[in-house]
Amino acid sequence: MSTSTSTTTYTRTHTATHMSDAIMSSIADILASLGIDSRRLYDEWDQDAAAIAAWITEGSLASVSVECHRPSGAVDPIFKFPLSYTAGGFGDRKFTADNASILKYVAKLKTAPAGTTFKLFCAFNGPRTPQPGWSPGTSASTADLRSRSIGTLATAPDATASARVYMS
């Protein structure tokens, strides 16, 4: 019994690290492609990656979003990375990541206007453990934006992350 628990914890921790890295790297690629200053992302990388990994480990993280806030006040585009979990670790036994489809899609977008900033948001599917540097916030509505699936970002035992863009 102890071996099973240890294996599950070990696998979920590695899954969380893999997913966190894939999501954070994709966000960095998106910001770079759109010409948005990403210094704050890199300054807070360790803290944010650790929080995302912790929430994936406990299974509470539903999605991570990066919102692009334009000087005009518009929030466009918004990239979301929803996660799904497989109970018991019976999902894909491989660790894969593919941000090439995101890069191909983002390459087709115009660069963001000068002064565009970004915000990261996480949504949850239940209670979660508080993490340093993260506090409640209100994300932008996607009601008036078109939505498009970009595909699967990463897979691992216990979880899968996909990618979606919302834009005008």
Protein backbone atom coordinates (compact mmCIF):
# COMPACT_ATOMS: atom_id res chain seq x y z
CA MET A 1 0.00 0.00 0.00
CA SER A 2 2.80 2.40 0.87
CA THR A 3 4.53 1.82 -2.47
CA SER A 4 1.36 2.69 -4.37
CA THR A 5 0.91 5.94 -2.48
CA SER A 6 4.54 6.89 -3.01
CA THR A 7 4.33 6.18 -6.73
CA THR A 8 1.16 8.24 -7.11
CA THR A 9 2.66 11.18 -5.22
CA TYR A 10 5.87 10.96 -7.22
CA THR A 11 4.01 10.82 -10.53
CA ARG A 12 1.61 13.66 -9.65
CA THR A 13 4.53 15.86 -8.56
CA HIS A 14 6.37 15.22 -11.83
CA THR A 15 3.16 15.79 -13.78
CA ALA A 16 2.63 19.11 -11.98
CA THR A 17 6.17 20.28 -12.71
CA HIS A 18 5.87 19.27 -16.37
CA MET A 19 2.49 21.00 -16.81
CA SER A 20 3.61 24.14 -14.99
CA ASP A 21 6.72 24.39 -17.18
CA ALA A 22 4.70 23.87 -20.37
CA ILE A 23 2.13 26.53 -19.41
CA MET A 24 4.69 29.10 -18.25
CA SER A 25 6.86 28.56 -21.34
CA SER A 26 3.86 28.98 -23.62
CA ILE A 27 2.90 32.22 -21.87
CA ALA A 28 6.45 33.51 -22.34
CA ASP A 29 6.34 32.59 -26.04
CA ILE A 30 2.96 34.30 -26.48
CA LEU A 31 4.14 37.53 -24.84
CA ALA A 32 7.35 37.56 -26.89
CA SER A 33 5.44 36.94 -30.14
CA LEU A 34 2.98 39.74 -29.38
CA GLY A 35 5.76 42.14 -28.37
CA ILE A 36 4.50 42.51 -24.79
CA ASP A 37 7.07 43.32 -22.11
CA SER A 38 7.55 40.08 -20.16
CA ARG A 39 10.08 41.20 -17.54
CA ARG A 40 7.49 40.81 -14.77
CA LEU A 41 6.77 37.25 -15.94
CA TYR A 42 10.45 36.34 -15.63
CA ASP A 43 10.85 38.22 -12.33
CA GLU A 44 7.98 36.21 -10.80
CA TRP A 45 8.60 32.97 -12.74
CA ASP A 46 9.73 30.78 -9.82
CA GLN A 47 6.89 31.94 -7.58
CA ASP A 48 4.21 31.54 -10.28
CA ALA A 49 5.51 28.19 -11.54
CA ALA A 50 5.61 26.86 -7.97
CA ALA A 51 2.03 28.00 -7.30
CA ILE A 52 0.72 26.46 -10.53
CA ALA A 53 2.57 23.21 -9.81
CA ALA A 54 1.22 23.10 -6.23
CA TRP A 55 -2.36 23.55 -7.44
CA ILE A 56 -1.92 20.89 -10.14
CA THR A 57 -0.45 18.51 -7.55
CA GLU A 58 -3.52 18.93 -5.35
CA GLY A 59 -5.86 18.81 -8.41
CA SER A 60 -7.53 22.15 -7.68
CA LEU A 61 -6.37 24.12 -10.75
CA ALA A 62 -8.98 24.29 -13.52
CA SER A 63 -7.17 26.73 -15.84
CA VAL A 64 -4.49 29.37 -16.23
CA SER A 65 -5.19 32.45 -18.36
CA VAL A 66 -3.03 35.24 -19.71
CA GLU A 67 -4.96 38.39 -20.57
CA CYS A 68 -3.51 41.07 -22.82
CA HIS A 69 -4.62 44.50 -21.57
CA ARG A 70 -4.33 47.14 -24.29
CA PRO A 71 -3.85 50.86 -23.59
CA SER A 72 -7.38 51.45 -24.99
CA GLY A 73 -8.81 49.38 -22.13
CA ALA A 74 -9.66 46.41 -24.34
CA VAL A 75 -8.60 42.97 -23.17
CA ASP A 76 -7.64 41.11 -26.34
CA PRO A 77 -6.48 38.42 -26.85
CA ILE A 78 -6.93 36.08 -23.89
CA PHE A 79 -5.19 32.71 -23.91
CA LYS A 80 -6.54 30.00 -21.61
CA PHE A 81 -4.93 26.73 -20.63
CA PRO A 82 -7.64 24.46 -19.18
CA LEU A 83 -6.54 21.34 -17.32
CA SER A 84 -8.26 18.02 -17.02
CA TYR A 85 -7.31 15.33 -14.57
CA THR A 86 -7.39 11.55 -14.81
CA ALA A 87 -8.11 9.86 -11.49
CA GLY A 88 -5.50 7.38 -10.37
CA GLY A 89 -2.88 8.29 -12.93
CA PHE A 90 -4.30 6.12 -15.69
CA GLY A 91 -3.96 8.86 -18.31
CA ASP A 92 -1.21 9.12 -20.87
CA ARG A 93 1.90 7.54 -19.35
CA LYS A 94 4.19 9.80 -21.39
CA PHE A 95 5.21 13.36 -20.66
CA THR A 96 4.67 15.36 -23.84
CA ALA A 97 4.51 19.05 -24.64
CA ASP A 98 3.73 20.75 -27.92
CA ASN A 99 3.66 24.51 -27.97
CA ALA A 100 4.41 24.55 -31.72
CA SER A 101 0.69 24.87 -32.52
CA ILE A 102 0.47 27.88 -30.20
CA LEU A 103 3.52 29.47 -31.82
CA LYS A 104 2.08 28.89 -35.31
CA TYR A 105 -1.20 30.48 -34.26
CA VAL A 106 0.37 33.45 -32.45
CA ALA A 107 2.69 34.10 -35.41
CA LYS A 108 -0.43 34.96 -37.44
CA LEU A 109 -1.51 37.64 -34.96
CA LYS A 110 -0.43 41.25 -35.16
CA THR A 111 1.89 42.49 -32.45
CA ALA A 112 0.09 44.16 -29.59
CA PRO A 113 0.02 47.97 -29.43
CA ALA A 114 2.82 49.61 -27.45
CA GLY A 115 1.94 49.78 -23.77
CA THR A 116 -0.04 46.53 -23.75
CA THR A 117 0.39 44.70 -20.45
CA PHE A 118 -0.62 41.26 -19.25
CA LYS A 119 -2.28 39.66 -16.25
CA LEU A 120 -2.27 36.04 -15.19
CA PHE A 121 -5.39 34.45 -13.71
CA CYS A 122 -6.07 31.00 -12.35
CA ALA A 123 -9.51 29.40 -12.06
CA PHE A 124 -10.18 26.56 -9.67
CA ASN A 125 -12.50 23.60 -9.49
CA GLY A 126 -12.69 23.57 -5.70
CA PRO A 127 -10.79 24.56 -2.58
CA ARG A 128 -7.09 25.27 -3.00
CA THR A 129 -4.09 26.01 -0.89
CA PRO A 130 -3.14 29.73 -0.81
CA GLN A 131 0.14 30.44 -2.60
CA PRO A 132 2.57 33.36 -2.14
CA GLY A 133 2.08 36.23 -4.59
CA TRP A 134 -1.43 35.17 -5.61
CA SER A 135 -4.64 36.85 -4.49
CA PRO A 136 -8.25 36.90 -5.68
CA GLY A 137 -8.95 38.93 -8.80
CA THR A 138 -11.57 39.42 -11.47
CA SER A 139 -10.75 38.16 -14.93
CA ALA A 140 -12.09 39.78 -18.08
CA SER A 141 -15.24 38.49 -19.71
CA THR A 142 -14.87 36.42 -22.85
CA ALA A 143 -18.57 36.81 -23.75
CA ASP A 144 -17.98 39.14 -26.73
CA LEU A 145 -14.85 37.38 -28.00
CA ARG A 146 -14.52 34.59 -30.55
CA SER A 147 -13.10 31.38 -29.17
CA ARG A 148 -10.80 28.95 -30.92
CA SER A 149 -9.18 25.77 -29.69
CA ILE A 150 -5.47 25.62 -30.40
CA GLY A 151 -5.17 22.00 -29.29
CA THR A 152 -3.41 20.00 -26.61
CA LEU A 153 -0.48 21.77 -24.99
CA ALA A 154 0.83 19.01 -22.72
CA THR A 155 -0.01 15.56 -21.44
CA ALA A 156 1.31 13.52 -18.58
CA PRO A 157 0.09 10.84 -16.20
CA ASP A 158 -2.83 12.30 -14.23
CA ALA A 159 -3.42 15.45 -16.34
CA THR A 160 -3.74 17.13 -19.72
CA ALA A 161 -3.49 20.85 -20.55
CA SER A 162 -5.07 22.28 -23.67
CA ALA A 163 -4.92 25.76 -25.19
CA ARG A 164 -7.67 28.12 -26.33
CA VAL A 165 -7.62 31.71 -27.55
CA TYR A 166 -10.35 34.34 -27.20
CA MET A 167 -10.14 37.40 -29.43
CA SER A 168 -12.23 40.03 -31.16
